[in-house]
Amino acid sequence: MNGNNQYLIPANTKKGGLILNIFMPIDLWIFGIGVGSTLLILILMSTLNHLDNLTSIVALVPGLVAVVLVFPFPNYHNIRTAIGEVIAFYTNRQRYVWRGWCSSYELKDK
């Protein structure tokens, strides 16, 4: 509690709302649908006797895409969030000003 009788919220409180401190509910839906569709395709292809190397690789694509999308990524929640940020950066008409630590350095003559 600070001096004005107001409570401060810690920066890491959002982690408590995540499932296993990693996944949002939409992440689990994406993962479940991707892996489930892969299993369904593999079962259908094996019962139809069409399971060769190329077909099995194509059948694995939905599961692999789902795993890649929900994979944790540094400085972002996961790959899906990072892709969304990149798309927002290139599609928004907002002006992004970079104020990095390098801009404060000047060349010094020796």
PDB file of N, CA and C in Angstrom:
ATOM      1  N   MET A   1       0.849  -1.162   0.000  1.00  0.00           N
ATOM      2  CA  MET A   1       0.000   0.000   0.000  1.00  0.00           C
ATOM      3  C   MET A   1       0.899   1.230   0.000  1.00  0.00           C
ATOM      4  N   ASN A   2       0.566   2.214  -0.838  1.00  0.00           N
ATOM      5  CA  ASN A   2       1.379   3.421  -0.858  1.00  0.00           C
ATOM      6  C   ASN A   2       0.770   4.474   0.073  1.00  0.00           C
ATOM      7  N   GLY A   3       1.290   5.677   0.063  1.00  0.00           N
ATOM      8  CA  GLY A   3       0.876   6.721   0.995  1.00  0.00           C
ATOM      9  C   GLY A   3      -0.546   7.200   0.817  1.00  0.00           C
ATOM     10  N   ASN A   4      -1.159   7.013  -0.348  1.00  0.00           N
ATOM     11  CA  ASN A   4      -2.518   7.488  -0.588  1.00  0.00           C
ATOM     12  C   ASN A   4      -3.581   6.426  -0.297  1.00  0.00           C
ATOM     13  N   ASN A   5      -3.217   5.400   0.429  1.00  0.00           N
ATOM     14  CA  ASN A   5      -4.114   4.282   0.742  1.00  0.00           C
ATOM     15  C   ASN A   5      -4.635   3.597  -0.518  1.00  0.00           C
ATOM     16  N   GLN A   6      -3.801   3.512  -1.516  1.00  0.00           N
ATOM     17  CA  GLN A   6      -4.135   2.785  -2.732  1.00  0.00           C
ATOM     18  C   GLN A   6      -3.167   1.619  -2.858  1.00  0.00           C
ATOM     19  N   TYR A   7      -3.679   0.495  -3.295  1.00  0.00           N
ATOM     20  CA  TYR A   7      -2.840  -0.680  -3.430  1.00  0.00           C
ATOM     21  C   TYR A   7      -2.133  -0.681  -4.776  1.00  0.00           C
ATOM     22  N   LEU A   8      -0.897  -1.085  -4.761  1.00  0.00           N
ATOM     23  CA  LEU A   8      -0.138  -1.236  -5.997  1.00  0.00           C
ATOM     24  C   LEU A   8      -0.240  -2.679  -6.453  1.00  0.00           C
ATOM     25  N   ILE A   9      -0.415  -2.881  -7.744  1.00  0.00           N
ATOM     26  CA  ILE A   9      -0.518  -4.226  -8.291  1.00  0.00           C
ATOM     27  C   ILE A   9       0.857  -4.635  -8.798  1.00  0.00           C
ATOM     28  N   PRO A  10       1.358  -5.798  -8.376  1.00  0.00           N
ATOM     29  CA  PRO A  10       2.661  -6.239  -8.863  1.00  0.00           C
ATOM     30  C   PRO A  10       2.641  -6.450 -10.377  1.00  0.00           C
ATOM     31  N   ALA A  11       3.798  -6.331 -10.987  1.00  0.00           N
ATOM     32  CA  ALA A  11       3.909  -6.450 -12.437  1.00  0.00           C
ATOM     33  C   ALA A  11       3.623  -7.860 -12.927  1.00  0.00           C
ATOM     34  N   ASN A  12       3.776  -8.861 -12.097  1.00  0.00           N
ATOM     35  CA  ASN A  12       3.629 -10.242 -12.552  1.00  0.00           C
ATOM     36  C   ASN A  12       2.267 -10.842 -12.208  1.00  0.00           C
ATOM     37  N   THR A  13       1.250 -10.046 -11.960  1.00  0.00           N
ATOM     38  CA  THR A  13      -0.044 -10.604 -11.595  1.00  0.00           C
ATOM     39  C   THR A  13      -0.741 -11.281 -12.763  1.00  0.00           C
ATOM     40  N   LYS A  14      -0.420 -10.925 -13.979  1.00  0.00           N
ATOM     41  CA  LYS A  14      -1.076 -11.541 -15.129  1.00  0.00           C
ATOM     42  C   LYS A  14      -0.710 -13.015 -15.240  1.00  0.00           C
ATOM     43  N   LYS A  15       0.458 -13.410 -14.750  1.00  0.00           N
ATOM     44  CA  LYS A  15       0.853 -14.813 -14.811  1.00  0.00           C
ATOM     45  C   LYS A  15      -0.105 -15.699 -14.051  1.00  0.00           C
ATOM     46  N   GLY A  16      -0.735 -15.183 -13.017  1.00  0.00           N
ATOM     47  CA  GLY A  16      -1.666 -15.981 -12.250  1.00  0.00           C
ATOM     48  C   GLY A  16      -2.915 -16.344 -13.032  1.00  0.00           C
ATOM     49  N   GLY A  17      -3.240 -15.593 -14.074  1.00  0.00           N
ATOM     50  CA  GLY A  17      -4.406 -15.874 -14.889  1.00  0.00           C
ATOM     51  C   GLY A  17      -4.138 -16.858 -16.002  1.00  0.00           C
ATOM     52  N   LEU A  18      -2.919 -17.304 -16.144  1.00  0.00           N
ATOM     53  CA  LEU A  18      -2.570 -18.239 -17.208  1.00  0.00           C
ATOM     54  C   LEU A  18      -2.692 -19.677 -16.710  1.00  0.00           C
ATOM     55  N   ILE A  19      -2.958 -20.578 -17.623  1.00  0.00           N
ATOM     56  CA  ILE A  19      -3.038 -21.999 -17.284  1.00  0.00           C
ATOM     57  C   ILE A  19      -1.622 -22.551 -17.260  1.00  0.00           C
ATOM     58  N   LEU A  20      -1.234 -23.152 -16.154  1.00  0.00           N
ATOM     59  CA  LEU A  20       0.135 -23.645 -15.913  1.00  0.00           C
ATOM     60  C   LEU A  20       1.163 -22.528 -16.030  1.00  0.00           C
ATOM     61  N   ASN A  21       0.748 -21.282 -15.787  1.00  0.00           N
ATOM     62  CA  ASN A  21       1.588 -20.083 -15.879  1.00  0.00           C
ATOM     63  C   ASN A  21       2.219 -19.887 -17.249  1.00  0.00           C
ATOM     64  N   ILE A  22       1.693 -20.545 -18.270  1.00  0.00           N
ATOM     65  CA  ILE A  22       2.248 -20.423 -19.616  1.00  0.00           C
ATOM     66  C   ILE A  22       1.179 -20.126 -20.656  1.00  0.00           C
ATOM     67  N   PHE A  23       0.053 -20.826 -20.593  1.00  0.00           N
ATOM     68  CA  PHE A  23      -0.913 -20.819 -21.687  1.00  0.00           C
ATOM     69  C   PHE A  23      -2.164 -20.015 -21.362  1.00  0.00           C
ATOM     70  N   MET A  24      -2.662 -19.293 -22.363  1.00  0.00           N
ATOM     71  CA  MET A  24      -3.985 -18.689 -22.294  1.00  0.00           C
ATOM     72  C   MET A  24      -4.973 -19.725 -22.819  1.00  0.00           C
ATOM     73  N   PRO A  25      -6.251 -19.578 -22.515  1.00  0.00           N
ATOM     74  CA  PRO A  25      -7.221 -20.566 -23.013  1.00  0.00           C
ATOM     75  C   PRO A  25      -7.216 -20.705 -24.538  1.00  0.00           C
ATOM     76  N   ILE A  26      -7.044 -19.620 -25.281  1.00  0.00           N
ATOM     77  CA  ILE A  26      -7.014 -19.719 -26.744  1.00  0.00           C
ATOM     78  C   ILE A  26      -5.815 -20.532 -27.216  1.00  0.00           C
ATOM     79  N   ASP A  27      -4.715 -20.471 -26.479  1.00  0.00           N
ATOM     80  CA  ASP A  27      -3.536 -21.271 -26.833  1.00  0.00           C
ATOM     81  C   ASP A  27      -3.846 -22.760 -26.721  1.00  0.00           C
ATOM     82  N   LEU A  28      -4.547 -23.140 -25.666  1.00  0.00           N
ATOM     83  CA  LEU A  28      -4.903 -24.550 -25.501  1.00  0.00           C
ATOM     84  C   LEU A  28      -5.896 -24.998 -26.563  1.00  0.00           C
ATOM     85  N   TRP A  29      -6.805 -24.104 -26.955  1.00  0.00           N
ATOM     86  CA  TRP A  29      -7.731 -24.435 -28.044  1.00  0.00           C
ATOM     87  C   TRP A  29      -6.980 -24.650 -29.350  1.00  0.00           C
ATOM     88  N   ILE A  30      -6.054 -23.761 -29.669  1.00  0.00           N
ATOM     89  CA  ILE A  30      -5.260 -23.904 -30.898  1.00  0.00           C
ATOM     90  C   ILE A  30      -4.471 -25.203 -30.869  1.00  0.00           C
ATOM     91  N   PHE A  31      -3.822 -25.472 -29.749  1.00  0.00           N
ATOM     92  CA  PHE A  31      -3.032 -26.692 -29.613  1.00  0.00           C
ATOM     93  C   PHE A  31      -3.909 -27.935 -29.730  1.00  0.00           C
ATOM     94  N   GLY A  32      -5.037 -27.932 -29.043  1.00  0.00           N
ATOM     95  CA  GLY A  32      -5.928 -29.090 -29.065  1.00  0.00           C
ATOM     96  C   GLY A  32      -6.516 -29.351 -30.443  1.00  0.00           C
ATOM     97  N   ILE A  33      -6.931 -28.299 -31.131  1.00  0.00           N
ATOM     98  CA  ILE A  33      -7.498 -28.463 -32.468  1.00  0.00           C
ATOM     99  C   ILE A  33      -6.425 -28.937 -33.451  1.00  0.00           C
ATOM    100  N   GLY A  34      -5.230 -28.385 -33.358  1.00  0.00           N
ATOM    101  CA  GLY A  34      -4.147 -28.793 -34.257  1.00  0.00           C
ATOM    102  C   GLY A  34      -3.727 -30.232 -34.052  1.00  0.00           C
ATOM    103  N   VAL A  35      -3.516 -30.617 -32.819  1.00  0.00           N
ATOM    104  CA  VAL A  35      -3.099 -31.992 -32.529  1.00  0.00           C
ATOM    105  C   VAL A  35      -4.248 -32.966 -32.789  1.00  0.00           C
ATOM    106  N   GLY A  36      -5.472 -32.569 -32.441  1.00  0.00           N
ATOM    107  CA  GLY A  36      -6.626 -33.427 -32.697  1.00  0.00           C
ATOM    108  C   GLY A  36      -6.856 -33.665 -34.176  1.00  0.00           C
ATOM    109  N   SER A  37      -6.724 -32.610 -34.978  1.00  0.00           N
ATOM    110  CA  SER A  37      -6.903 -32.792 -36.426  1.00  0.00           C
ATOM    111  C   SER A  37      -5.788 -33.651 -37.012  1.00  0.00           C
ATOM    112  N   THR A  38      -4.581 -33.523 -36.496  1.00  0.00           N
ATOM    113  CA  THR A  38      -3.494 -34.374 -36.964  1.00  0.00           C
ATOM    114  C   THR A  38      -3.778 -35.838 -36.645  1.00  0.00           C
ATOM    115  N   LEU A  39      -4.223 -36.107 -35.420  1.00  0.00           N
ATOM    116  CA  LEU A  39      -4.552 -37.487 -35.057  1.00  0.00           C
ATOM    117  C   LEU A  39      -5.705 -38.026 -35.898  1.00  0.00           C
ATOM    118  N   LEU A  40      -6.715 -37.202 -36.139  1.00  0.00           N
ATOM    119  CA  LEU A  40      -7.846 -37.621 -36.956  1.00  0.00           C
ATOM    120  C   LEU A  40      -7.418 -37.936 -38.387  1.00  0.00           C
ATOM    121  N   ILE A  41      -6.574 -37.091 -38.967  1.00  0.00           N
ATOM    122  CA  ILE A  41      -6.080 -37.332 -40.331  1.00  0.00           C
ATOM    123  C   ILE A  41      -5.245 -38.604 -40.384  1.00  0.00           C
ATOM    124  N   LEU A  42      -4.378 -38.800 -39.383  1.00  0.00           N
ATOM    125  CA  LEU A  42      -3.562 -40.017 -39.362  1.00  0.00           C
ATOM    126  C   LEU A  42      -4.418 -41.272 -39.229  1.00  0.00           C
ATOM    127  N   ILE A  43      -5.453 -41.216 -38.409  1.00  0.00           N
ATOM    128  CA  ILE A  43      -6.341 -42.373 -38.258  1.00  0.00           C
ATOM    129  C   ILE A  43      -7.096 -42.647 -39.553  1.00  0.00           C
ATOM    130  N   LEU A  44      -7.618 -41.585 -40.178  1.00  0.00           N
ATOM    131  CA  LEU A  44      -8.335 -41.767 -41.435  1.00  0.00           C
ATOM    132  C   LEU A  44      -7.432 -42.320 -42.533  1.00  0.00           C
ATOM    133  N   MET A  45      -6.222 -41.806 -42.609  1.00  0.00           N
ATOM    134  CA  MET A  45      -5.303 -42.274 -43.651  1.00  0.00           C
ATOM    135  C   MET A  45      -4.849 -43.713 -43.395  1.00  0.00           C
ATOM    136  N   SER A  46      -4.699 -44.084 -42.136  1.00  0.00           N
ATOM    137  CA  SER A  46      -4.269 -45.455 -41.866  1.00  0.00           C
ATOM    138  C   SER A  46      -5.387 -46.459 -42.144  1.00  0.00           C
ATOM    139  N   THR A  47      -6.644 -46.061 -41.902  1.00  0.00           N
ATOM    140  CA  THR A  47      -7.744 -46.981 -42.211  1.00  0.00           C
ATOM    141  C   THR A  47      -7.986 -47.088 -43.706  1.00  0.00           C
ATOM    142  N   LEU A  48      -7.654 -46.057 -44.452  1.00  0.00           N
ATOM    143  CA  LEU A  48      -7.822 -46.097 -45.910  1.00  0.00           C
ATOM    144  C   LEU A  48      -6.584 -46.648 -46.618  1.00  0.00           C
ATOM    145  N   ASN A  49      -5.566 -47.026 -45.858  1.00  0.00           N
ATOM    146  CA  ASN A  49      -4.308 -47.559 -46.394  1.00  0.00           C
ATOM    147  C   ASN A  49      -3.624 -46.595 -47.362  1.00  0.00           C
ATOM    148  N   HIS A  50      -3.729 -45.297 -47.062  1.00  0.00           N
ATOM    149  CA  HIS A  50      -3.048 -44.288 -47.876  1.00  0.00           C
ATOM    150  C   HIS A  50      -1.898 -43.641 -47.107  1.00  0.00           C
ATOM    151  N   LEU A  51      -1.347 -44.339 -46.152  1.00  0.00           N
ATOM    152  CA  LEU A  51      -0.329 -43.736 -45.294  1.00  0.00           C
ATOM    153  C   LEU A  51       1.061 -44.042 -45.843  1.00  0.00           C
ATOM    154  N   ASP A  52       1.576 -43.143 -46.667  1.00  0.00           N
ATOM    155  CA  ASP A  52       2.955 -43.252 -47.122  1.00  0.00           C
ATOM    156  C   ASP A  52       3.734 -42.091 -46.516  1.00  0.00           C
ATOM    157  N   ASN A  53       4.970 -41.912 -46.923  1.00  0.00           N
ATOM    158  CA  ASN A  53       5.824 -40.890 -46.306  1.00  0.00           C
ATOM    159  C   ASN A  53       5.285 -39.483 -46.529  1.00  0.00           C
ATOM    160  N   LEU A  54       4.922 -39.138 -47.741  1.00  0.00           N
ATOM    161  CA  LEU A  54       4.452 -37.793 -48.045  1.00  0.00           C
ATOM    162  C   LEU A  54       3.123 -37.505 -47.352  1.00  0.00           C
ATOM    163  N   THR A  55       2.235 -38.462 -47.350  1.00  0.00           N
ATOM    164  CA  THR A  55       0.928 -38.274 -46.704  1.00  0.00           C
ATOM    165  C   THR A  55       1.083 -38.110 -45.204  1.00  0.00           C
ATOM    166  N   SER A  56       1.964 -38.860 -44.598  1.00  0.00           N
ATOM    167  CA  SER A  56       2.155 -38.725 -43.149  1.00  0.00           C
ATOM    168  C   SER A  56       2.774 -37.382 -42.794  1.00  0.00           C
ATOM    169  N   ILE A  57       3.648 -36.872 -43.643  1.00  0.00           N
ATOM    170  CA  ILE A  57       4.234 -35.547 -43.400  1.00  0.00           C
ATOM    171  C   ILE A  57       3.160 -34.471 -43.529  1.00  0.00           C
ATOM    172  N   VAL A  58       2.325 -34.583 -44.558  1.00  0.00           N
ATOM    173  CA  VAL A  58       1.242 -33.609 -44.737  1.00  0.00           C
ATOM    174  C   VAL A  58       0.238 -33.706 -43.591  1.00  0.00           C
ATOM    175  N   ALA A  59      -0.003 -34.898 -43.088  1.00  0.00           N
ATOM    176  CA  ALA A  59      -0.932 -35.080 -41.975  1.00  0.00           C
ATOM    177  C   ALA A  59      -0.393 -34.465 -40.685  1.00  0.00           C
ATOM    178  N   LEU A  60       0.909 -34.359 -40.539  1.00  0.00           N
ATOM    179  CA  LEU A  60       1.513 -33.782 -39.342  1.00  0.00           C
ATOM    180  C   LEU A  60       1.516 -32.257 -39.346  1.00  0.00           C
ATOM    181  N   VAL A  61       1.250 -31.638 -40.484  1.00  0.00           N
ATOM    182  CA  VAL A  61       1.337 -30.183 -40.606  1.00  0.00           C
ATOM    183  C   VAL A  61       0.421 -29.437 -39.631  1.00  0.00           C
ATOM    184  N   PRO A  62      -0.864 -29.783 -39.471  1.00  0.00           N
ATOM    185  CA  PRO A  62      -1.693 -29.021 -38.516  1.00  0.00           C
ATOM    186  C   PRO A  62      -1.162 -29.067 -37.088  1.00  0.00           C
ATOM    187  N   GLY A  63      -0.690 -30.214 -36.646  1.00  0.00           N
ATOM    188  CA  GLY A  63      -0.139 -30.318 -35.297  1.00  0.00           C
ATOM    189  C   GLY A  63       1.144 -29.524 -35.141  1.00  0.00           C
ATOM    190  N   LEU A  64       2.003 -29.574 -36.147  1.00  0.00           N
ATOM    191  CA  LEU A  64       3.254 -28.817 -36.083  1.00  0.00           C
ATOM    192  C   LEU A  64       3.010 -27.319 -36.078  1.00  0.00           C
ATOM    193  N   VAL A  65       2.071 -26.858 -36.896  1.00  0.00           N
ATOM    194  CA  VAL A  65       1.739 -25.431 -36.919  1.00  0.00           C
ATOM    195  C   VAL A  65       1.182 -24.997 -35.567  1.00  0.00           C
ATOM    196  N   ALA A  66       0.324 -25.811 -34.977  1.00  0.00           N
ATOM    197  CA  ALA A  66      -0.248 -25.484 -33.670  1.00  0.00           C
ATOM    198  C   ALA A  66       0.830 -25.424 -32.594  1.00  0.00           C
ATOM    199  N   VAL A  67       1.753 -26.365 -32.612  1.00  0.00           N
ATOM    200  CA  VAL A  67       2.837 -26.370 -31.626  1.00  0.00           C
ATOM    201  C   VAL A  67       3.722 -25.141 -31.791  1.00  0.00           C
ATOM    202  N   VAL A  68       4.026 -24.776 -33.026  1.00  0.00           N
ATOM    203  CA  VAL A  68       4.868 -23.599 -33.273  1.00  0.00           C
ATOM    204  C   VAL A  68       4.159 -22.326 -32.808  1.00  0.00           C
ATOM    205  N   LEU A  69       2.857 -22.211 -33.048  1.00  0.00           N
ATOM    206  CA  LEU A  69       2.132 -21.004 -32.661  1.00  0.00           C
ATOM    207  C   LEU A  69       2.067 -20.799 -31.153  1.00  0.00           C
ATOM    208  N   VAL A  70       1.987 -21.856 -30.377  1.00  0.00           N
ATOM    209  CA  VAL A  70       1.870 -21.699 -28.922  1.00  0.00           C
ATOM    210  C   VAL A  70       3.212 -21.864 -28.206  1.00  0.00           C
ATOM    211  N   PHE A  71       4.292 -22.019 -28.947  1.00  0.00           N
ATOM    212  CA  PHE A  71       5.621 -22.174 -28.346  1.00  0.00           C
ATOM    213  C   PHE A  71       6.053 -20.860 -27.694  1.00  0.00           C
ATOM    214  N   PRO A  72       6.536 -20.883 -26.448  1.00  0.00           N
ATOM    215  CA  PRO A  72       6.977 -19.648 -25.785  1.00  0.00           C
ATOM    216  C   PRO A  72       8.126 -18.983 -26.542  1.00  0.00           C
ATOM    217  N   PHE A  73       8.105 -17.652 -26.546  1.00  0.00           N
ATOM    218  CA  PHE A  73       9.077 -16.861 -27.306  1.00  0.00           C
ATOM    219  C   PHE A  73       9.582 -15.753 -26.397  1.00  0.00           C
ATOM    220  N   PRO A  74      10.893 -15.515 -26.343  1.00  0.00           N
ATOM    221  CA  PRO A  74      11.423 -14.480 -25.447  1.00  0.00           C
ATOM    222  C   PRO A  74      10.844 -13.100 -25.756  1.00  0.00           C
ATOM    223  N   ASN A  75      10.531 -12.340 -24.732  1.00  0.00           N
ATOM    224  CA  ASN A  75       9.991 -10.982 -24.780  1.00  0.00           C
ATOM    225  C   ASN A  75       8.569 -10.918 -25.314  1.00  0.00           C
ATOM    226  N   TYR A  76       7.964 -12.016 -25.632  1.00  0.00           N
ATOM    227  CA  TYR A  76       6.561 -12.096 -26.038  1.00  0.00           C
ATOM    228  C   TYR A  76       5.941 -13.268 -25.303  1.00  0.00           C
ATOM    229  N   HIS A  77       4.627 -13.385 -25.389  1.00  0.00           N
ATOM    230  CA  HIS A  77       3.972 -14.520 -24.738  1.00  0.00           C
ATOM    231  C   HIS A  77       4.289 -15.811 -25.485  1.00  0.00           C
ATOM    232  N   ASN A  78       4.089 -15.799 -26.789  1.00  0.00           N
ATOM    233  CA  ASN A  78       4.399 -16.950 -27.624  1.00  0.00           C
ATOM    234  C   ASN A  78       4.551 -16.478 -29.075  1.00  0.00           C
ATOM    235  N   ILE A  79       4.771 -17.413 -29.977  1.00  0.00           N
ATOM    236  CA  ILE A  79       4.986 -17.065 -31.382  1.00  0.00           C
ATOM    237  C   ILE A  79       3.745 -16.391 -31.964  1.00  0.00           C
ATOM    238  N   ARG A  80       2.557 -16.853 -31.568  1.00  0.00           N
ATOM    239  CA  ARG A  80       1.319 -16.249 -32.072  1.00  0.00           C
ATOM    240  C   ARG A  80       1.238 -14.775 -31.705  1.00  0.00           C
ATOM    241  N   THR A  81       1.609 -14.424 -30.484  1.00  0.00           N
ATOM    242  CA  THR A  81       1.608 -13.033 -30.050  1.00  0.00           C
ATOM    243  C   THR A  81       2.658 -12.227 -30.801  1.00  0.00           C
ATOM    244  N   ALA A  82       3.828 -12.809 -31.026  1.00  0.00           N
ATOM    245  CA  ALA A  82       4.883 -12.107 -31.762  1.00  0.00           C
ATOM    246  C   ALA A  82       4.453 -11.835 -33.203  1.00  0.00           C
ATOM    247  N   ILE A  83       3.808 -12.803 -33.849  1.00  0.00           N
ATOM    248  CA  ILE A  83       3.328 -12.599 -35.216  1.00  0.00           C
ATOM    249  C   ILE A  83       2.263 -11.502 -35.234  1.00  0.00           C
ATOM    250  N   GLY A  84       1.382 -11.504 -34.244  1.00  0.00           N
ATOM    251  CA  GLY A  84       0.363 -10.459 -34.149  1.00  0.00           C
ATOM    252  C   GLY A  84       0.964  -9.081 -33.982  1.00  0.00           C
ATOM    253  N   GLU A  85       2.032  -8.967 -33.194  1.00  0.00           N
ATOM    254  CA  GLU A  85       2.699  -7.675 -33.010  1.00  0.00           C
ATOM    255  C   GLU A  85       3.372  -7.200 -34.295  1.00  0.00           C
ATOM    256  N   VAL A  86       3.982  -8.121 -35.032  1.00  0.00           N
ATOM    257  CA  VAL A  86       4.619  -7.762 -36.302  1.00  0.00           C
ATOM    258  C   VAL A  86       3.571  -7.291 -37.297  1.00  0.00           C
ATOM    259  N   ILE A  87       2.451  -8.004 -37.365  1.00  0.00           N
ATOM    260  CA  ILE A  87       1.376  -7.594 -38.270  1.00  0.00           C
ATOM    261  C   ILE A  87       0.826  -6.228 -37.870  1.00  0.00           C
ATOM    262  N   ALA A  88       0.634  -6.004 -36.575  1.00  0.00           N
ATOM    263  CA  ALA A  88       0.148  -4.705 -36.103  1.00  0.00           C
ATOM    264  C   ALA A  88       1.139  -3.599 -36.418  1.00  0.00           C
ATOM    265  N   PHE A  89       2.429  -3.890 -36.326  1.00  0.00           N
ATOM    266  CA  PHE A  89       3.451  -2.890 -36.616  1.00  0.00           C
ATOM    267  C   PHE A  89       3.396  -2.459 -38.081  1.00  0.00           C
ATOM    268  N   TYR A  90       3.218  -3.412 -38.987  1.00  0.00           N
ATOM    269  CA  TYR A  90       3.227  -3.080 -40.411  1.00  0.00           C
ATOM    270  C   TYR A  90       1.876  -2.612 -40.937  1.00  0.00           C
ATOM    271  N   THR A  91       0.774  -2.885 -40.241  1.00  0.00           N
ATOM    272  CA  THR A  91      -0.532  -2.480 -40.748  1.00  0.00           C
ATOM    273  C   THR A  91      -1.090  -1.231 -40.088  1.00  0.00           C
ATOM    274  N   ASN A  92      -0.635  -0.882 -38.903  1.00  0.00           N
ATOM    275  CA  ASN A  92      -1.125   0.332 -38.246  1.00  0.00           C
ATOM    276  C   ASN A  92      -0.468   1.557 -38.845  1.00  0.00           C
ATOM    277  N   ARG A  93      -1.191   2.644 -38.843  1.00  0.00           N
ATOM    278  CA  ARG A  93      -0.652   3.885 -39.384  1.00  0.00           C
ATOM    279  C   ARG A  93      -0.039   4.732 -38.285  1.00  0.00           C
ATOM    280  N   GLN A  94       0.355   4.105 -37.220  1.00  0.00           N
ATOM    281  CA  GLN A  94       0.950   4.805 -36.095  1.00  0.00           C
ATOM    282  C   GLN A  94       2.419   5.074 -36.383  1.00  0.00           C
ATOM    283  N   ARG A  95       2.918   6.175 -35.871  1.00  0.00           N
ATOM    284  CA  ARG A  95       4.328   6.511 -36.039  1.00  0.00           C
ATOM    285  C   ARG A  95       5.085   5.980 -34.826  1.00  0.00           C
ATOM    286  N   TYR A  96       6.017   5.058 -35.077  1.00  0.00           N
ATOM    287  CA  TYR A  96       6.802   4.452 -34.009  1.00  0.00           C
ATOM    288  C   TYR A  96       8.140   5.186 -33.910  1.00  0.00           C
ATOM    289  N   VAL A  97       8.404   5.771 -32.760  1.00  0.00           N
ATOM    290  CA  VAL A  97       9.655   6.493 -32.538  1.00  0.00           C
ATOM    291  C   VAL A  97      10.542   5.616 -31.673  1.00  0.00           C
ATOM    292  N   TRP A  98      11.748   5.376 -32.153  1.00  0.00           N
ATOM    293  CA  TRP A  98      12.671   4.551 -31.390  1.00  0.00           C
ATOM    294  C   TRP A  98      13.558   5.450 -30.558  1.00  0.00           C
ATOM    295  N   ARG A  99      13.579   5.207 -29.267  1.00  0.00           N
ATOM    296  CA  ARG A  99      14.459   5.940 -28.357  1.00  0.00           C
ATOM    297  C   ARG A  99      15.281   4.912 -27.601  1.00  0.00           C
ATOM    298  N   GLY A 100      16.265   4.403 -28.272  1.00  0.00           N
ATOM    299  CA  GLY A 100      17.078   3.354 -27.683  1.00  0.00           C
ATOM    300  C   GLY A 100      18.268   3.901 -26.928  1.00  0.00           C
ATOM    301  N   TRP A 101      18.964   2.996 -26.317  1.00  0.00           N
ATOM    302  CA  TRP A 101      20.114   3.405 -25.508  1.00  0.00           C
ATOM    303  C   TRP A 101      21.275   3.852 -26.374  1.00  0.00           C
ATOM    304  N   CYS A 102      21.323   3.441 -27.633  1.00  0.00           N
ATOM    305  CA  CYS A 102      22.435   3.826 -28.501  1.00  0.00           C
ATOM    306  C   CYS A 102      22.393   5.295 -28.891  1.00  0.00           C
ATOM    307  N   SER A 103      21.210   5.901 -28.854  1.00  0.00           N
ATOM    308  CA  SER A 103      21.096   7.280 -29.322  1.00  0.00           C
ATOM    309  C   SER A 103      21.765   8.273 -28.380  1.00  0.00           C
ATOM    310  N   SER A 104      22.036   7.885 -27.155  1.00  0.00           N
ATOM    311  CA  SER A 104      22.642   8.825 -26.210  1.00  0.00           C
ATOM    312  C   SER A 104      24.160   8.849 -26.291  1.00  0.00           C
ATOM    313  N   TYR A 105      24.745   7.915 -27.059  1.00  0.00           N
ATOM    314  CA  TYR A 105      26.196   7.897 -27.170  1.00  0.00           C
ATOM    315  C   TYR A 105      26.653   8.768 -28.313  1.00  0.00           C
ATOM    316  N   GLU A 106      27.764   9.439 -28.108  1.00  0.00           N
ATOM    317  CA  GLU A 106      28.353  10.263 -29.155  1.00  0.00           C
ATOM    318  C   GLU A 106      29.769   9.781 -29.392  1.00  0.00           C
ATOM    319  N   LEU A 107      30.261  10.005 -30.590  1.00  0.00           N
ATOM    320  CA  LEU A 107      31.636   9.642 -30.883  1.00  0.00           C
ATOM    321  C   LEU A 107      32.585  10.591 -30.163  1.00  0.00           C
ATOM    322  N   LYS A 108      33.591  10.033 -29.552  1.00  0.00           N
ATOM    323  CA  LYS A 108      34.580  10.851 -28.840  1.00  0.00           C
ATOM    324  C   LYS A 108      35.901  10.789 -29.586  1.00  0.00           C
ATOM    325  N   ASP A 109      36.493  11.926 -29.785  1.00  0.00           N
ATOM    326  CA  ASP A 109      37.822  11.967 -30.431  1.00  0.00           C
ATOM    327  C   ASP A 109      38.882  11.700 -29.382  1.00  0.00           C
ATOM    328  N   LYS A 110      39.888  10.945 -29.809  1.00  0.00           N
ATOM    329  CA  LYS A 110      40.982  10.631 -28.873  1.00  0.00           C
ATOM    330  C   LYS A 110      42.140  11.547 -29.089  1.00  0.00           C
TER     331      LYS A 110
END
